C-alpha cells in the first residue's frame, strides 16, 4: 500500500515507440512508485505515483521484453496486447 498526501499525483509515462531491444529512458522523481503498466492505443505506458516537488529527479531505464527473452533487472509488470503479444516491463 502507498501512503498518499495532497502532494502526490499519478503521472503517465510512454514506454513504447522505440526499439524494444533498447532501454527506454524516462526522467521522473527517483522515489516514484510504479502502480500500473498497460497498453493504450497501441503504445505501452507505465503509471507512477510521484511527488512532483520531490528531489532529485533522475533517469530511470526500462526494457520491454517478450516472453522467453532474457531479462536482467527488476520486474515491473506484464502487458497483454490486443494483438496477442505479451510484453514484460523490466527496470534496468
N, C-alpha and C. Protein backbone atom coordinates (compact mmCIF):
# COMPACT_ATOMS: atom_id res chain seq x y z
N UNK A 1 0.84 -1.16 0.00
CA UNK A 1 0.00 0.00 0.00
C UNK A 1 0.90 1.24 0.00
N UNK A 2 0.48 2.26 -0.74
CA UNK A 2 1.23 3.50 -0.84
C UNK A 2 0.49 4.57 -0.05
N UNK A 3 1.18 5.20 0.87
CA UNK A 3 0.58 6.30 1.63
C UNK A 3 0.66 7.56 0.78
N UNK A 4 -0.49 8.18 0.51
CA UNK A 4 -0.54 9.35 -0.35
C UNK A 4 -0.87 10.61 0.45
N UNK A 5 -0.32 11.72 -0.01
CA UNK A 5 -0.64 13.02 0.56
C UNK A 5 -1.19 13.90 -0.56
N UNK A 6 -1.56 15.11 -0.22
CA UNK A 6 -2.06 16.04 -1.24
C UNK A 6 -0.98 16.40 -2.26
N UNK A 7 0.28 16.16 -1.93
CA UNK A 7 1.39 16.45 -2.83
C UNK A 7 1.49 15.43 -3.97
N UNK A 8 1.00 14.22 -3.76
CA UNK A 8 1.17 13.14 -4.73
C UNK A 8 0.22 13.27 -5.92
N UNK A 9 0.72 12.82 -7.06
CA UNK A 9 -0.06 12.77 -8.29
C UNK A 9 0.27 11.47 -9.01
N UNK A 10 -0.62 11.03 -9.88
CA UNK A 10 -0.33 9.89 -10.74
C UNK A 10 0.07 10.44 -12.10
N UNK A 11 1.28 10.09 -12.53
CA UNK A 11 1.79 10.50 -13.84
C UNK A 11 1.83 9.30 -14.76
N UNK A 12 1.66 9.56 -16.03
CA UNK A 12 1.67 8.53 -17.08
C UNK A 12 2.91 8.76 -17.94
N UNK A 13 3.64 7.67 -18.21
CA UNK A 13 4.87 7.74 -19.00
C UNK A 13 4.81 6.73 -20.14
N UNK A 14 5.10 7.19 -21.34
CA UNK A 14 5.08 6.32 -22.52
C UNK A 14 6.40 5.55 -22.62
N UNK A 15 6.30 4.23 -22.78
CA UNK A 15 7.49 3.39 -22.92
C UNK A 15 7.74 2.97 -24.36
N UNK A 16 6.69 2.76 -25.14
CA UNK A 16 6.90 2.21 -26.48
C UNK A 16 7.10 3.32 -27.49
N UNK A 17 7.32 2.89 -28.72
CA UNK A 17 7.60 3.82 -29.79
C UNK A 17 9.07 3.82 -30.13
N UNK A 18 9.83 2.99 -29.42
CA UNK A 18 11.26 2.84 -29.68
C UNK A 18 11.54 1.37 -29.97
N UNK A 19 12.77 1.08 -30.33
CA UNK A 19 13.17 -0.32 -30.50
C UNK A 19 13.01 -1.04 -29.17
N UNK A 20 12.34 -2.18 -29.18
CA UNK A 20 12.14 -2.91 -27.93
C UNK A 20 13.43 -3.50 -27.39
N UNK A 21 14.47 -3.58 -28.23
CA UNK A 21 15.73 -4.15 -27.76
C UNK A 21 16.53 -3.13 -26.95
N UNK A 22 16.18 -1.86 -27.02
CA UNK A 22 16.91 -0.81 -26.32
C UNK A 22 16.14 -0.33 -25.09
N UNK A 23 16.85 -0.02 -24.01
CA UNK A 23 16.17 0.54 -22.85
C UNK A 23 15.52 1.89 -23.18
N UNK A 24 14.40 2.16 -22.53
CA UNK A 24 13.71 3.44 -22.66
C UNK A 24 14.07 4.26 -21.42
N UNK A 25 14.58 5.47 -21.61
CA UNK A 25 14.95 6.35 -20.51
C UNK A 25 13.81 7.31 -20.21
N UNK A 26 13.45 7.42 -18.93
CA UNK A 26 12.38 8.31 -18.51
C UNK A 26 12.89 9.17 -17.36
N UNK A 27 12.70 10.48 -17.48
CA UNK A 27 13.04 11.39 -16.39
C UNK A 27 11.84 11.49 -15.47
N UNK A 28 12.07 11.14 -14.20
CA UNK A 28 10.99 11.14 -13.21
C UNK A 28 11.60 11.24 -11.82
N UNK A 29 10.80 11.62 -10.81
CA UNK A 29 11.34 11.61 -9.45
C UNK A 29 11.86 10.21 -9.11
N UNK A 30 13.03 10.14 -8.52
CA UNK A 30 13.64 8.84 -8.28
C UNK A 30 12.88 7.99 -7.26
N UNK A 31 12.05 8.60 -6.43
CA UNK A 31 11.28 7.81 -5.45
C UNK A 31 9.89 7.44 -5.97
N UNK A 32 9.61 7.70 -7.25
CA UNK A 32 8.30 7.36 -7.83
C UNK A 32 8.02 5.88 -7.66
N UNK A 33 6.77 5.56 -7.41
CA UNK A 33 6.36 4.16 -7.28
C UNK A 33 5.44 3.80 -8.44
N UNK A 34 5.86 2.84 -9.23
CA UNK A 34 5.07 2.41 -10.39
C UNK A 34 3.89 1.58 -9.88
N UNK A 35 2.70 1.97 -10.34
CA UNK A 35 1.49 1.30 -9.85
C UNK A 35 0.77 0.51 -10.93
N UNK A 36 1.10 0.76 -12.22
CA UNK A 36 0.41 0.04 -13.28
C UNK A 36 1.20 0.11 -14.58
N UNK A 37 1.03 -0.92 -15.41
CA UNK A 37 1.54 -0.92 -16.78
C UNK A 37 0.42 -1.43 -17.67
N UNK A 38 0.28 -0.84 -18.86
CA UNK A 38 -0.79 -1.27 -19.75
C UNK A 38 -0.52 -0.76 -21.16
N UNK A 39 -1.22 -1.36 -22.12
CA UNK A 39 -1.19 -0.87 -23.48
C UNK A 39 -2.42 0.02 -23.67
N UNK A 40 -2.20 1.16 -24.33
CA UNK A 40 -3.29 2.09 -24.60
C UNK A 40 -3.10 2.65 -26.00
N UNK A 41 -4.05 2.43 -26.87
CA UNK A 41 -3.99 2.92 -28.25
C UNK A 41 -2.70 2.47 -28.97
N UNK A 42 -2.27 1.24 -28.70
CA UNK A 42 -1.12 0.68 -29.39
C UNK A 42 0.23 0.99 -28.79
N UNK A 43 0.28 1.77 -27.71
CA UNK A 43 1.54 2.08 -27.05
C UNK A 43 1.53 1.53 -25.64
N UNK A 44 2.71 1.28 -25.09
CA UNK A 44 2.84 0.78 -23.72
C UNK A 44 3.18 1.94 -22.80
N UNK A 45 2.47 2.01 -21.68
CA UNK A 45 2.65 3.08 -20.70
C UNK A 45 2.86 2.49 -19.31
N UNK A 46 3.52 3.28 -18.46
CA UNK A 46 3.53 3.00 -17.03
C UNK A 46 2.85 4.18 -16.34
N UNK A 47 2.21 3.90 -15.22
CA UNK A 47 1.64 4.93 -14.37
C UNK A 47 2.37 4.85 -13.05
N UNK A 48 2.77 6.02 -12.55
CA UNK A 48 3.54 6.05 -11.31
C UNK A 48 3.00 7.13 -10.39
N UNK A 49 3.02 6.83 -9.09
CA UNK A 49 2.69 7.83 -8.08
C UNK A 49 3.95 8.63 -7.82
N UNK A 50 3.84 9.95 -7.99
CA UNK A 50 5.00 10.82 -7.81
C UNK A 50 4.64 12.00 -6.92
N UNK A 51 5.65 12.53 -6.28
CA UNK A 51 5.56 13.83 -5.64
C UNK A 51 6.36 14.76 -6.53
N UNK A 52 5.71 15.60 -7.34
CA UNK A 52 6.44 16.40 -8.32
C UNK A 52 7.42 17.40 -7.70
N UNK A 53 7.28 17.65 -6.40
CA UNK A 53 8.19 18.57 -5.72
C UNK A 53 9.41 17.86 -5.14
N UNK A 54 9.40 16.52 -5.19
CA UNK A 54 10.48 15.75 -4.58
C UNK A 54 11.72 15.83 -5.44
N UNK A 55 12.85 15.96 -4.80
CA UNK A 55 14.13 15.95 -5.49
C UNK A 55 14.92 14.75 -4.98
N UNK A 56 15.75 14.12 -5.70
CA UNK A 56 16.12 14.52 -7.05
C UNK A 56 15.27 13.82 -8.11
N UNK A 57 15.13 14.49 -9.23
CA UNK A 57 14.61 13.86 -10.43
C UNK A 57 15.80 13.19 -11.09
N UNK A 58 15.57 12.11 -11.78
CA UNK A 58 16.65 11.42 -12.45
C UNK A 58 16.11 10.58 -13.59
N UNK A 59 17.00 9.85 -14.20
CA UNK A 59 16.62 9.00 -15.32
C UNK A 59 16.50 7.57 -14.83
N UNK A 60 15.34 6.98 -15.09
CA UNK A 60 15.13 5.55 -14.83
C UNK A 60 14.97 4.88 -16.18
N UNK A 61 15.53 3.67 -16.31
CA UNK A 61 15.52 2.96 -17.59
C UNK A 61 14.70 1.69 -17.50
N UNK A 62 13.95 1.45 -18.57
CA UNK A 62 13.06 0.29 -18.64
C UNK A 62 13.27 -0.43 -19.96
N UNK A 63 13.14 -1.75 -19.93
CA UNK A 63 13.14 -2.56 -21.15
C UNK A 63 11.80 -3.24 -21.30
N UNK A 64 11.38 -3.37 -22.54
CA UNK A 64 10.19 -4.12 -22.89
C UNK A 64 10.67 -5.41 -23.52
N UNK A 65 10.35 -6.54 -22.91
CA UNK A 65 10.83 -7.82 -23.42
C UNK A 65 9.66 -8.76 -23.65
N UNK A 66 9.83 -9.64 -24.61
CA UNK A 66 8.82 -10.63 -24.89
C UNK A 66 8.98 -11.86 -24.01
N UNK A 67 7.95 -12.65 -23.95
CA UNK A 67 8.01 -13.91 -23.21
C UNK A 67 9.10 -14.78 -23.83
N UNK A 68 9.96 -15.33 -22.99
CA UNK A 68 11.05 -16.18 -23.45
C UNK A 68 12.35 -15.44 -23.70
N UNK A 69 12.31 -14.09 -23.66
CA UNK A 69 13.54 -13.30 -23.82
C UNK A 69 14.31 -13.27 -22.51
N UNK A 70 15.63 -13.12 -22.60
CA UNK A 70 16.46 -12.98 -21.41
C UNK A 70 16.18 -11.66 -20.72
N UNK A 71 16.18 -11.67 -19.40
CA UNK A 71 15.92 -10.46 -18.64
C UNK A 71 16.93 -10.32 -17.51
N UNK A 72 17.30 -9.08 -17.20
CA UNK A 72 18.10 -8.77 -16.02
C UNK A 72 17.61 -7.43 -15.51
N UNK A 73 17.28 -7.35 -14.26
CA UNK A 73 16.78 -6.11 -13.68
C UNK A 73 15.65 -6.40 -12.73
N UNK A 74 14.76 -5.42 -12.55
CA UNK A 74 13.64 -5.54 -11.61
C UNK A 74 12.33 -5.58 -12.39
N UNK A 75 11.58 -6.64 -12.17
CA UNK A 75 10.29 -6.82 -12.85
C UNK A 75 9.33 -5.72 -12.40
N UNK A 76 8.65 -5.10 -13.38
CA UNK A 76 7.68 -4.04 -13.11
C UNK A 76 6.26 -4.54 -13.35
N UNK A 77 6.03 -5.21 -14.48
CA UNK A 77 4.69 -5.69 -14.78
C UNK A 77 4.61 -6.33 -16.14
N UNK A 78 3.44 -6.84 -16.48
CA UNK A 78 3.19 -7.54 -17.74
C UNK A 78 2.03 -6.87 -18.46
N UNK A 79 2.16 -6.77 -19.79
CA UNK A 79 1.14 -6.16 -20.63
C UNK A 79 0.65 -7.19 -21.63
N UNK A 80 -0.65 -7.40 -21.70
CA UNK A 80 -1.27 -8.28 -22.70
C UNK A 80 -1.86 -7.38 -23.78
N UNK A 81 -1.26 -7.41 -24.95
CA UNK A 81 -1.73 -6.52 -26.02
C UNK A 81 -2.91 -7.15 -26.76
N UNK A 82 -3.78 -6.34 -27.34
CA UNK A 82 -4.92 -6.86 -28.09
C UNK A 82 -4.49 -7.72 -29.28
N UNK A 83 -3.27 -7.51 -29.77
CA UNK A 83 -2.78 -8.29 -30.91
C UNK A 83 -2.34 -9.69 -30.50
N UNK A 84 -2.35 -9.98 -29.19
CA UNK A 84 -1.99 -11.30 -28.71
C UNK A 84 -0.59 -11.39 -28.14
N UNK A 85 0.23 -10.35 -28.32
CA UNK A 85 1.57 -10.36 -27.74
C UNK A 85 1.50 -10.12 -26.25
N UNK A 86 2.46 -10.70 -25.52
CA UNK A 86 2.59 -10.46 -24.09
C UNK A 86 3.96 -9.86 -23.87
N UNK A 87 4.01 -8.66 -23.26
CA UNK A 87 5.25 -7.94 -23.02
C UNK A 87 5.49 -7.83 -21.52
N UNK A 88 6.74 -7.85 -21.13
CA UNK A 88 7.12 -7.72 -19.72
C UNK A 88 8.00 -6.48 -19.59
N UNK A 89 7.72 -5.69 -18.56
CA UNK A 89 8.46 -4.45 -18.35
C UNK A 89 9.46 -4.69 -17.23
N UNK A 90 10.74 -4.40 -17.55
CA UNK A 90 11.84 -4.62 -16.62
C UNK A 90 12.55 -3.29 -16.39
N UNK A 91 12.76 -2.91 -15.14
CA UNK A 91 13.59 -1.72 -14.87
C UNK A 91 15.04 -2.17 -14.79
N UNK A 92 15.87 -1.53 -15.59
CA UNK A 92 17.30 -1.92 -15.67
C UNK A 92 18.19 -0.85 -15.10
